[in-house]
Amino acid sequence: MSSVLGIDPGMRKAGFALVSDAGVVLERGIESVERLAERLSSLLTRHRADVLAIGAGTNAARVTAGL
């Protein structure tokens, strides 16, 4: 089973979802930008992500740099 971790970066918070290749949402949430890396690290200890998709909108460069 493969999965995609999608991140929607905002100014103060970022949304994220881990979706399987069958379209099943394995986990989703909203986290502050400051704590996002810690939250995703915890998520990735429970699940494997084969693809990372990060939105290119608001605050994307800062979020990407923090990962």
N, C-alpha and C. Protein backbone atom coordinates (compact mmCIF):
# COMPACT_ATOMS: atom_id res chain seq x y z
N MET A 1 0.86 -1.18 0.00
CA MET A 1 0.00 0.00 0.00
C MET A 1 0.90 1.24 0.00
N SER A 2 0.64 2.16 -0.90
CA SER A 2 1.36 3.42 -0.90
C SER A 2 0.43 4.53 -0.40
N SER A 3 1.03 5.65 -0.02
CA SER A 3 0.23 6.74 0.51
C SER A 3 0.86 8.08 0.19
N VAL A 4 0.02 9.11 0.26
CA VAL A 4 0.44 10.49 -0.02
C VAL A 4 0.19 11.32 1.22
N LEU A 5 1.19 12.10 1.62
CA LEU A 5 1.04 13.07 2.70
C LEU A 5 0.92 14.43 2.05
N GLY A 6 -0.24 15.04 2.20
CA GLY A 6 -0.48 16.37 1.65
C GLY A 6 -0.46 17.40 2.76
N ILE A 7 0.18 18.54 2.48
CA ILE A 7 0.28 19.62 3.45
C ILE A 7 -0.21 20.91 2.81
N ASP A 8 -1.11 21.60 3.49
CA ASP A 8 -1.64 22.88 3.03
C ASP A 8 -1.16 23.97 3.99
N PRO A 9 -0.05 24.63 3.65
CA PRO A 9 0.53 25.60 4.58
C PRO A 9 -0.23 26.92 4.62
N GLY A 10 -0.42 27.42 5.82
CA GLY A 10 -1.01 28.73 6.02
C GLY A 10 -0.03 29.61 6.78
N MET A 11 -0.46 30.80 7.15
CA MET A 11 0.43 31.72 7.86
C MET A 11 0.76 31.23 9.27
N ARG A 12 -0.24 30.80 10.01
CA ARG A 12 -0.03 30.36 11.38
C ARG A 12 -0.23 28.87 11.59
N LYS A 13 -1.06 28.27 10.74
CA LYS A 13 -1.39 26.85 10.86
C LYS A 13 -1.24 26.17 9.50
N ALA A 14 -1.09 24.85 9.54
CA ALA A 14 -1.03 24.07 8.32
C ALA A 14 -1.95 22.87 8.47
N GLY A 15 -2.69 22.59 7.42
CA GLY A 15 -3.51 21.40 7.38
C GLY A 15 -2.70 20.28 6.76
N PHE A 16 -3.01 19.05 7.14
CA PHE A 16 -2.32 17.91 6.55
C PHE A 16 -3.26 16.72 6.50
N ALA A 17 -2.99 15.82 5.57
CA ALA A 17 -3.74 14.58 5.47
C ALA A 17 -2.85 13.52 4.86
N LEU A 18 -2.96 12.32 5.37
CA LEU A 18 -2.28 11.16 4.83
C LEU A 18 -3.35 10.27 4.22
N VAL A 19 -3.23 10.02 2.92
CA VAL A 19 -4.26 9.30 2.18
C VAL A 19 -3.64 8.08 1.51
N SER A 20 -4.29 6.93 1.63
CA SER A 20 -3.78 5.71 1.01
C SER A 20 -4.07 5.73 -0.49
N ASP A 21 -3.43 4.81 -1.21
CA ASP A 21 -3.66 4.72 -2.65
C ASP A 21 -5.09 4.28 -2.97
N ALA A 22 -5.81 3.76 -1.99
CA ALA A 22 -7.21 3.39 -2.17
C ALA A 22 -8.14 4.56 -1.86
N GLY A 23 -7.57 5.71 -1.48
CA GLY A 23 -8.38 6.89 -1.19
C GLY A 23 -8.86 6.98 0.24
N VAL A 24 -8.35 6.13 1.11
CA VAL A 24 -8.74 6.14 2.51
C VAL A 24 -7.89 7.16 3.27
N VAL A 25 -8.55 8.05 4.01
CA VAL A 25 -7.83 9.03 4.83
C VAL A 25 -7.34 8.31 6.08
N LEU A 26 -6.03 8.20 6.21
CA LEU A 26 -5.44 7.50 7.34
C LEU A 26 -5.32 8.41 8.56
N GLU A 27 -4.94 9.65 8.32
CA GLU A 27 -4.87 10.66 9.38
C GLU A 27 -5.02 12.03 8.74
N ARG A 28 -5.53 12.96 9.53
CA ARG A 28 -5.64 14.35 9.06
C ARG A 28 -5.65 15.26 10.28
N GLY A 29 -5.32 16.51 10.03
CA GLY A 29 -5.32 17.43 11.15
C GLY A 29 -4.87 18.81 10.76
N ILE A 30 -4.84 19.67 11.75
CA ILE A 30 -4.36 21.05 11.62
C ILE A 30 -3.40 21.27 12.77
N GLU A 31 -2.26 21.87 12.44
CA GLU A 31 -1.24 22.10 13.47
C GLU A 31 -0.62 23.47 13.25
N SER A 32 -0.13 24.06 14.32
CA SER A 32 0.59 25.33 14.17
C SER A 32 1.85 25.07 13.34
N VAL A 33 2.27 26.08 12.59
CA VAL A 33 3.45 25.95 11.75
C VAL A 33 4.67 25.60 12.60
N GLU A 34 4.75 26.17 13.79
CA GLU A 34 5.88 25.92 14.67
C GLU A 34 5.97 24.47 15.13
N ARG A 35 4.85 23.78 15.27
CA ARG A 35 4.82 22.41 15.78
C ARG A 35 4.59 21.37 14.69
N LEU A 36 4.49 21.80 13.44
CA LEU A 36 4.15 20.90 12.35
C LEU A 36 5.16 19.77 12.19
N ALA A 37 6.44 20.08 12.18
CA ALA A 37 7.47 19.04 11.97
C ALA A 37 7.38 17.96 13.05
N GLU A 38 7.16 18.38 14.29
CA GLU A 38 7.03 17.42 15.39
C GLU A 38 5.79 16.53 15.20
N ARG A 39 4.70 17.13 14.82
CA ARG A 39 3.46 16.38 14.62
C ARG A 39 3.59 15.39 13.47
N LEU A 40 4.22 15.83 12.36
CA LEU A 40 4.38 14.94 11.21
C LEU A 40 5.38 13.83 11.52
N SER A 41 6.38 14.12 12.31
CA SER A 41 7.34 13.10 12.71
C SER A 41 6.62 12.00 13.48
N SER A 42 5.75 12.39 14.37
CA SER A 42 4.96 11.42 15.13
C SER A 42 4.06 10.60 14.20
N LEU A 43 3.42 11.26 13.27
CA LEU A 43 2.55 10.58 12.30
C LEU A 43 3.34 9.56 11.49
N LEU A 44 4.56 9.92 11.09
CA LEU A 44 5.36 9.04 10.24
C LEU A 44 5.98 7.88 11.01
N THR A 45 5.90 7.89 12.32
CA THR A 45 6.30 6.70 13.08
C THR A 45 5.21 5.64 13.04
N ARG A 46 3.98 6.07 12.76
CA ARG A 46 2.84 5.15 12.69
C ARG A 46 2.50 4.73 11.27
N HIS A 47 2.79 5.58 10.30
CA HIS A 47 2.43 5.34 8.90
C HIS A 47 3.59 5.69 7.99
N ARG A 48 3.59 5.07 6.83
CA ARG A 48 4.60 5.38 5.81
C ARG A 48 3.98 6.30 4.76
N ALA A 49 4.71 7.31 4.35
CA ALA A 49 4.28 8.19 3.26
C ALA A 49 5.25 8.00 2.09
N ASP A 50 4.72 7.67 0.93
CA ASP A 50 5.55 7.46 -0.26
C ASP A 50 5.74 8.73 -1.06
N VAL A 51 4.79 9.64 -0.94
CA VAL A 51 4.82 10.90 -1.70
C VAL A 51 4.46 12.03 -0.75
N LEU A 52 5.16 13.15 -0.90
CA LEU A 52 4.86 14.36 -0.13
C LEU A 52 4.41 15.44 -1.11
N ALA A 53 3.25 16.01 -0.85
CA ALA A 53 2.72 17.09 -1.69
C ALA A 53 2.49 18.30 -0.80
N ILE A 54 3.17 19.40 -1.13
CA ILE A 54 3.05 20.63 -0.33
C ILE A 54 2.47 21.72 -1.22
N GLY A 55 1.40 22.34 -0.77
CA GLY A 55 0.81 23.44 -1.50
C GLY A 55 1.80 24.58 -1.67
N ALA A 56 1.69 25.29 -2.76
CA ALA A 56 2.64 26.36 -3.08
C ALA A 56 2.13 27.75 -2.69
N GLY A 57 1.07 27.80 -1.93
CA GLY A 57 0.46 29.08 -1.59
C GLY A 57 1.11 29.74 -0.39
N THR A 58 0.27 30.31 0.44
CA THR A 58 0.66 31.08 1.61
C THR A 58 1.67 30.34 2.47
N ASN A 59 2.81 30.94 2.71
CA ASN A 59 3.80 30.46 3.67
C ASN A 59 4.45 29.12 3.30
N ALA A 60 4.35 28.69 2.06
CA ALA A 60 4.89 27.40 1.66
C ALA A 60 6.40 27.32 1.86
N ALA A 61 7.13 28.36 1.56
CA ALA A 61 8.59 28.33 1.71
C ALA A 61 9.00 28.13 3.16
N ARG A 62 8.33 28.80 4.07
CA ARG A 62 8.66 28.66 5.51
C ARG A 62 8.33 27.26 6.00
N VAL A 63 7.19 26.73 5.61
CA VAL A 63 6.80 25.39 6.04
C VAL A 63 7.75 24.35 5.47
N THR A 64 8.07 24.46 4.20
CA THR A 64 8.99 23.53 3.56
C THR A 64 10.36 23.55 4.25
N ALA A 65 10.85 24.73 4.55
CA ALA A 65 12.15 24.86 5.21
C ALA A 65 12.13 24.23 6.60
N GLY A 66 10.99 24.27 7.27
CA GLY A 66 10.89 23.71 8.60
C GLY A 66 10.80 22.20 8.64
N LEU A 67 10.58 21.60 7.49
CA LEU A 67 10.47 20.14 7.47
C LEU A 67 11.83 19.55 7.21
